[in-house]
Amino acid sequence: MSSVSEGRFPSSSVPSTTRAPRRTTLLTGDGVRIEAVYTPCTAGSRGSGGGGSGGTAIVLAHGFTGSADRPAVLRAAGVFAQRAAVITFSFRGHGKSGGRSTVGDREVLDLAAAVAWARSLGHRRVVTVGFSMGGSVVLRHAALYTAPETGEFVAAEERVPGAERVGRRTSAHDGRTGAHTDVVVAVSAPARWYYRGTAPMRRVHWVVTRPAGRFVGRYGFRTRIHREHWNPVPLSPVEAVPLITAPLLIVHGDRDPYFPVDHPRMLAGAAGDRAELWLEHGMGHAENAADEDLLTRIADWTESA
């Protein structure tokens, strides 16, 4: 929900002539245009995801005020690209994407569009890795979008504003079939909404909720923020976690200035023994604080999950 954010991955399901990053515009379920970048794996045929049809793709979801072109996102994508193909994208209201940010609500549709694009390129295994706001989005996405054999959606009571009801099962002809993830990693994610317990989060709430704050967000952070309050309030991350059936890794720094360690512990507690929790000593917040060693360990974990 709150990060000032700053790709490549293994995929041979895309023709070998397409080795350079490939940019496109995706259309979400509620009609918002999202910029996205596909980067093939830099390792060629090396590794479990590098060769042959059906390799792994990792989809990166940045934090609030980030974008696909921020240095920290590019750095993370470069590390992950040593093992799999990478898709980076800018959430609505960020970067060159259209629309306005809803700070984690409708953004689940942006992630779904990026995951579906990965599968349309031939990737049979898709990993979602989210930072801060992106972390909350990958958790909600994994809870709402399930594998085709169980139906695309499972949370019967939630409605995603601007899209159809997500509590029903979808047919094989539904445009969002294939938008599910196989592995989930949430880094520096909040556990609950409306948290104001730290000074940085109080500043984030000012940016999101006040006209002057939204002005600063637009012209200071290049982030266009929606004026409307959530209605209804979306499923919170801690409520979403018990619905996730995919392997789940929760990563959090013990010096995170936005969300203290009770947030990752709440998430891990809600998941029971179905999730792994890493509390990183000395780490701050989100993609800006994730160094190459941590990103490499996350990439290794996603390969074996």
Protein backbone atom coordinates (compact mmCIF):
# COMPACT_ATOMS: atom_id res chain seq x y z
CA MET A 1 0.00 0.00 0.00
CA SER A 2 2.89 2.31 0.38
CA SER A 3 6.19 2.24 -1.35
CA VAL A 4 8.08 4.80 -3.33
CA SER A 5 9.33 2.31 -5.87
CA GLU A 6 12.00 2.65 -8.04
CA GLY A 7 13.23 -7.15 -16.59
CA ARG A 8 14.26 -10.35 -17.43
CA PHE A 9 13.17 -14.06 -17.07
CA PRO A 10 13.57 -17.54 -18.68
CA SER A 11 11.19 -18.22 -21.51
CA SER A 12 11.66 -20.24 -24.60
CA SER A 13 7.97 -20.39 -25.40
CA VAL A 14 8.51 -17.02 -27.06
CA PRO A 15 10.40 -17.20 -30.39
CA SER A 16 14.16 -17.06 -29.95
CA THR A 17 14.35 -14.05 -32.24
CA THR A 18 12.60 -11.97 -29.55
CA ARG A 19 15.48 -11.49 -27.12
CA ALA A 20 15.17 -7.78 -26.41
CA PRO A 21 12.54 -6.39 -24.02
CA ARG A 22 9.15 -6.17 -25.69
CA ARG A 23 6.67 -3.45 -24.78
CA THR A 24 2.93 -3.64 -25.18
CA THR A 25 -0.31 -2.20 -23.87
CA LEU A 26 -2.71 -4.50 -22.03
CA LEU A 27 -6.43 -3.93 -21.53
CA THR A 28 -7.81 -4.79 -18.09
CA GLY A 29 -11.20 -6.29 -17.31
CA ASP A 30 -12.59 -2.82 -16.59
CA GLY A 31 -11.12 -1.25 -19.72
CA VAL A 32 -7.96 0.46 -18.41
CA ARG A 33 -4.86 0.44 -20.63
CA ILE A 34 -1.75 -0.80 -18.84
CA GLU A 35 1.84 -0.53 -20.07
CA ALA A 36 3.78 -3.79 -19.79
CA VAL A 37 7.27 -5.01 -20.66
CA TYR A 38 8.32 -8.59 -21.42
CA THR A 39 11.98 -9.52 -21.03
CA PRO A 40 13.20 -13.02 -21.98
CA CYS A 41 15.44 -14.98 -19.67
CA THR A 42 19.09 -13.97 -19.91
CA ALA A 43 20.24 -17.52 -19.12
CA GLY A 44 19.15 -19.04 -22.43
CA SER A 45 18.32 -22.70 -21.93
CA ARG A 46 20.02 -22.90 -18.54
CA GLY A 47 17.84 -23.59 -15.50
CA SER A 48 14.41 -25.06 -14.97
CA GLY A 49 12.54 -22.23 -16.65
CA GLY A 50 14.99 -21.33 -19.35
CA GLY A 51 14.47 -23.81 -22.10
CA GLY A 52 11.66 -25.29 -24.09
CA SER A 53 8.01 -24.50 -24.26
CA GLY A 54 6.22 -23.86 -21.02
CA GLY A 55 9.02 -22.16 -19.06
CA THR A 56 8.41 -19.96 -16.02
CA ALA A 57 7.50 -16.29 -16.17
CA ILE A 58 7.74 -13.99 -13.17
CA VAL A 59 5.36 -11.03 -13.04
CA LEU A 60 6.58 -8.14 -10.87
CA ALA A 61 4.07 -5.84 -9.14
CA HIS A 62 5.65 -2.58 -7.96
CA GLY A 63 4.78 -0.44 -4.95
CA PHE A 64 2.75 2.77 -4.72
CA THR A 65 4.28 5.59 -6.84
CA GLY A 66 6.45 3.07 -8.70
CA SER A 67 6.39 2.04 -12.35
CA ALA A 68 7.87 -0.47 -14.77
CA ASP A 69 10.77 1.87 -15.51
CA ARG A 70 11.87 2.70 -11.97
CA PRO A 71 15.47 1.67 -11.20
CA ALA A 72 14.56 -0.63 -8.29
CA VAL A 73 12.01 -2.50 -10.42
CA LEU A 74 14.50 -2.84 -13.27
CA ARG A 75 17.13 -4.11 -10.83
CA ALA A 76 14.78 -6.77 -9.43
CA ALA A 77 13.76 -7.80 -12.93
CA GLY A 78 17.40 -8.13 -13.96
CA VAL A 79 18.11 -10.54 -11.09
CA PHE A 80 15.00 -12.62 -11.72
CA ALA A 81 15.70 -12.71 -15.47
CA GLN A 82 18.70 -14.92 -14.78
CA ARG A 83 16.21 -17.70 -14.08
CA ALA A 84 12.96 -16.97 -15.90
CA ALA A 85 11.21 -14.60 -18.26
CA VAL A 86 10.05 -11.41 -16.56
CA ILE A 87 7.00 -9.22 -17.05
CA THR A 88 7.00 -5.79 -15.46
CA PHE A 89 4.09 -3.38 -15.76
CA SER A 90 2.84 -0.10 -14.35
CA PHE A 91 -0.30 -0.16 -12.24
CA ARG A 92 -3.14 2.14 -13.29
CA GLY A 93 -2.38 5.77 -12.54
CA HIS A 94 1.37 5.05 -12.63
CA GLY A 95 3.95 5.47 -15.36
CA LYS A 96 2.47 5.39 -18.85
CA SER A 97 -0.60 3.38 -17.81
CA GLY A 98 -4.06 4.92 -17.99
CA GLY A 99 -6.63 5.37 -15.26
CA ARG A 100 -6.14 6.41 -11.66
CA SER A 101 -4.65 4.52 -8.76
CA THR A 102 -7.09 2.94 -6.31
CA VAL A 103 -4.16 2.05 -4.00
CA GLY A 104 -4.57 -1.73 -4.16
CA ASP A 105 -8.26 -2.26 -5.00
CA ARG A 106 -8.85 -2.41 -8.78
CA GLU A 107 -5.14 -3.04 -9.28
CA VAL A 108 -5.90 -6.74 -8.99
CA LEU A 109 -7.30 -6.43 -12.53
CA ASP A 110 -4.01 -4.95 -13.75
CA LEU A 111 -2.08 -7.90 -12.35
CA ALA A 112 -4.58 -10.35 -13.83
CA ALA A 113 -4.04 -8.82 -17.27
CA ALA A 114 -0.25 -9.16 -16.92
CA VAL A 115 -0.51 -12.79 -15.78
CA ALA A 116 -2.88 -13.62 -18.64
CA TRP A 117 -0.39 -12.04 -21.07
CA ALA A 118 2.38 -14.26 -19.68
CA ARG A 119 0.27 -17.34 -20.34
CA SER A 120 -0.68 -16.13 -23.82
CA LEU A 121 3.06 -16.06 -24.60
CA GLY A 122 3.24 -19.77 -23.79
CA HIS A 123 4.36 -19.78 -20.15
CA ARG A 124 2.72 -22.62 -18.28
CA ARG A 125 4.05 -21.58 -14.88
CA VAL A 126 3.62 -18.01 -13.64
CA VAL A 127 5.05 -16.56 -10.42
CA THR A 128 3.74 -13.27 -9.02
CA VAL A 129 6.09 -11.15 -6.88
CA GLY A 130 4.68 -7.99 -5.32
CA PHE A 131 6.26 -5.21 -3.28
CA SER A 132 4.33 -3.15 -0.70
CA MET A 133 1.06 -2.15 -2.43
CA GLY A 134 1.98 -4.70 -5.08
CA GLY A 135 2.39 -7.24 -2.27
CA SER A 136 -1.18 -6.69 -1.14
CA VAL A 137 -2.32 -7.00 -4.76
CA VAL A 138 -0.57 -10.35 -5.39
CA LEU A 139 -2.18 -11.74 -2.22
CA ARG A 140 -5.68 -10.66 -3.23
CA HIS A 141 -5.11 -11.80 -6.81
CA ALA A 142 -3.99 -15.27 -5.69
CA ALA A 143 -7.08 -15.58 -3.49
CA LEU A 144 -9.52 -14.48 -6.21
CA TYR A 145 -8.05 -16.12 -9.31
CA THR A 146 -7.61 -19.87 -9.01
CA ALA A 147 -6.50 -22.59 -11.40
CA PRO A 148 -8.94 -23.43 -14.23
CA GLU A 149 -9.80 -26.85 -12.85
CA THR A 150 -11.35 -25.19 -9.80
CA GLY A 151 -12.88 -22.21 -11.61
CA GLU A 152 -11.24 -18.82 -12.09
CA PHE A 153 -12.64 -17.20 -8.96
CA VAL A 154 -13.27 -18.39 -5.42
CA ALA A 155 -14.13 -15.41 -3.18
CA ALA A 156 -17.90 -15.56 -3.45
CA GLU A 157 -18.74 -12.28 -1.76
CA GLU A 158 -16.22 -9.87 -3.22
CA ARG A 159 -16.92 -7.56 -6.13
CA VAL A 160 -14.11 -5.82 -7.97
CA PRO A 161 -15.37 -2.31 -8.82
CA GLY A 162 -15.57 -1.75 -12.55
CA ALA A 163 -15.63 -5.44 -13.36
CA GLU A 164 -18.17 -8.22 -13.11
CA ARG A 165 -18.78 -10.18 -9.90
CA VAL A 166 -15.75 -12.31 -9.13
CA GLY A 167 -17.49 -14.88 -6.98
CA ARG A 168 -18.64 -17.05 -9.83
CA ARG A 169 -16.83 -19.71 -11.79
CA THR A 170 -15.90 -18.66 -15.30
CA SER A 171 -16.13 -20.66 -18.47
CA ALA A 172 -13.18 -21.60 -20.65
CA HIS A 173 -14.21 -18.81 -23.02
CA ASP A 174 -14.03 -16.06 -20.40
CA GLY A 175 -11.47 -13.41 -21.35
CA ARG A 176 -9.67 -13.74 -18.03
CA THR A 177 -9.19 -17.50 -18.06
CA GLY A 178 -5.51 -18.19 -17.40
CA ALA A 179 -5.08 -15.19 -15.11
CA HIS A 180 -4.24 -17.36 -12.09
CA THR A 181 -0.80 -17.60 -10.50
CA ASP A 182 1.15 -20.73 -9.55
CA VAL A 183 3.49 -19.24 -6.92
CA VAL A 184 3.13 -16.07 -4.83
CA VAL A 185 5.74 -13.85 -3.15
CA ALA A 186 4.67 -10.79 -1.11
CA VAL A 187 7.45 -8.43 -0.02
CA SER A 188 6.78 -5.67 2.56
CA ALA A 189 3.03 -6.14 2.21
CA PRO A 190 0.51 -4.70 4.67
CA ALA A 191 -1.74 -7.12 6.50
CA ARG A 192 -4.69 -4.77 6.96
CA TRP A 193 -6.14 -1.63 5.43
CA TYR A 194 -6.15 1.93 6.81
CA TYR A 195 -2.99 1.41 8.87
CA ARG A 196 -1.67 4.75 10.21
CA GLY A 197 0.65 3.55 12.94
CA THR A 198 3.84 4.97 11.42
CA ALA A 199 4.73 8.46 10.22
CA PRO A 200 5.37 7.32 6.61
CA MET A 201 1.91 5.73 6.48
CA ARG A 202 0.30 8.87 7.82
CA ARG A 203 1.97 10.77 4.98
CA VAL A 204 0.69 8.19 2.48
CA HIS A 205 -2.86 8.60 3.78
CA TRP A 206 -2.53 12.38 3.40
CA VAL A 207 -1.42 11.95 -0.23
CA VAL A 208 -4.28 9.56 -0.98
CA THR A 209 -7.18 11.20 0.85
CA ARG A 210 -6.60 14.97 0.60
CA PRO A 211 -6.95 17.13 -2.55
CA ALA A 212 -3.61 18.78 -1.81
CA GLY A 213 -2.06 15.35 -1.27
CA ARG A 214 -3.37 14.06 -4.59
CA PHE A 215 -1.91 17.16 -6.25
CA VAL A 216 1.47 16.29 -4.73
CA GLY A 217 1.02 12.68 -5.82
CA ARG A 218 0.31 13.70 -9.40
CA TYR A 219 3.03 16.29 -9.89
CA GLY A 220 5.56 15.21 -7.26
CA PHE A 221 5.40 11.41 -7.65
CA ARG A 222 3.77 11.19 -11.11
CA THR A 223 0.95 9.13 -9.65
CA ARG A 224 -2.68 9.89 -10.48
CA ILE A 225 -4.90 8.90 -7.55
CA HIS A 226 -8.64 8.23 -7.66
CA ARG A 227 -10.78 10.66 -5.68
CA GLU A 228 -13.42 8.12 -4.60
CA HIS A 229 -13.25 6.10 -1.40
CA TRP A 230 -13.40 2.32 -1.60
CA ASN A 231 -16.99 1.11 -1.95
CA PRO A 232 -17.15 -1.67 -1.02
CA VAL A 233 -13.91 -2.09 0.94
CA PRO A 234 -11.94 -4.85 -0.79
CA LEU A 235 -10.86 -8.08 0.80
CA SER A 236 -7.89 -7.27 3.03
CA PRO A 237 -4.56 -9.10 2.61
CA VAL A 238 -4.97 -10.99 5.89
CA GLU A 239 -8.45 -12.08 4.80
CA ALA A 240 -7.16 -13.14 1.41
CA VAL A 241 -4.28 -15.31 2.64
CA PRO A 242 -6.42 -18.24 3.91
CA LEU A 243 -7.97 -18.51 0.42
CA ILE A 244 -4.60 -18.92 -1.33
CA THR A 245 -3.82 -22.45 -2.49
CA ALA A 246 -0.55 -21.66 -4.32
CA PRO A 247 2.85 -21.82 -2.55
CA LEU A 248 3.30 -18.54 -0.66
CA LEU A 249 6.41 -16.71 0.56
CA ILE A 250 6.10 -13.65 2.82
CA VAL A 251 9.20 -11.44 3.05
CA HIS A 252 9.52 -8.44 5.36
CA GLY A 253 12.29 -6.29 6.79
CA ASP A 254 12.66 -5.84 10.54
CA ARG A 255 13.44 -2.14 9.91
CA ASP A 256 10.51 -1.44 7.61
CA PRO A 257 9.50 2.18 8.32
CA TYR A 258 6.00 1.73 6.88
CA PHE A 259 4.72 -1.59 8.29
CA PRO A 260 6.17 -3.11 11.48
CA VAL A 261 6.73 -6.84 11.80
CA ASP A 262 3.26 -7.55 13.22
CA HIS A 263 2.00 -7.26 9.62
CA PRO A 264 3.98 -10.17 8.16
CA ARG A 265 3.34 -12.20 11.30
CA MET A 266 -0.41 -11.65 10.91
CA LEU A 267 -0.19 -12.79 7.29
CA ALA A 268 1.85 -15.86 8.17
CA GLY A 269 -0.49 -16.69 11.04
CA ALA A 270 -3.50 -16.51 8.73
CA ALA A 271 -1.78 -18.88 6.29
CA GLY A 272 -0.85 -21.43 8.94
CA ASP A 273 1.70 -23.96 7.69
CA ARG A 274 0.91 -23.18 4.04
CA ALA A 275 3.27 -20.20 3.86
CA GLU A 276 6.92 -19.48 4.55
CA LEU A 277 7.95 -16.29 6.39
CA TRP A 278 11.29 -14.56 6.02
CA LEU A 279 12.02 -11.71 8.44
CA GLU A 280 15.07 -9.99 6.97
CA HIS A 281 17.48 -8.43 9.46
CA GLY A 282 18.25 -4.78 8.72
CA MET A 283 15.97 -4.57 5.69
CA GLY A 284 13.83 -1.51 5.06
CA HIS A 285 10.83 -1.27 2.75
CA ALA A 286 9.91 -2.92 -0.54
CA GLU A 287 11.84 -2.99 -3.82
CA ASN A 288 14.12 -0.10 -2.84
CA ALA A 289 15.42 -2.12 0.12
CA ALA A 290 15.65 -5.51 -1.60
CA ASP A 291 19.32 -6.11 -2.39
CA GLU A 292 20.69 -8.54 -4.95
CA ASP A 293 21.30 -11.26 -2.37
CA LEU A 294 17.68 -11.21 -1.20
CA LEU A 295 16.33 -11.08 -4.76
CA THR A 296 18.51 -14.06 -5.68
CA ARG A 297 17.23 -16.04 -2.71
CA ILE A 298 13.65 -15.20 -3.66
CA ALA A 299 14.33 -16.33 -7.23
CA ASP A 300 15.83 -19.60 -5.92
CA TRP A 301 12.76 -20.14 -3.71
CA THR A 302 10.35 -19.61 -6.60
CA GLU A 303 12.20 -22.22 -8.66
CA SER A 304 11.80 -24.87 -5.97
CA ALA A 305 8.33 -23.93 -4.69
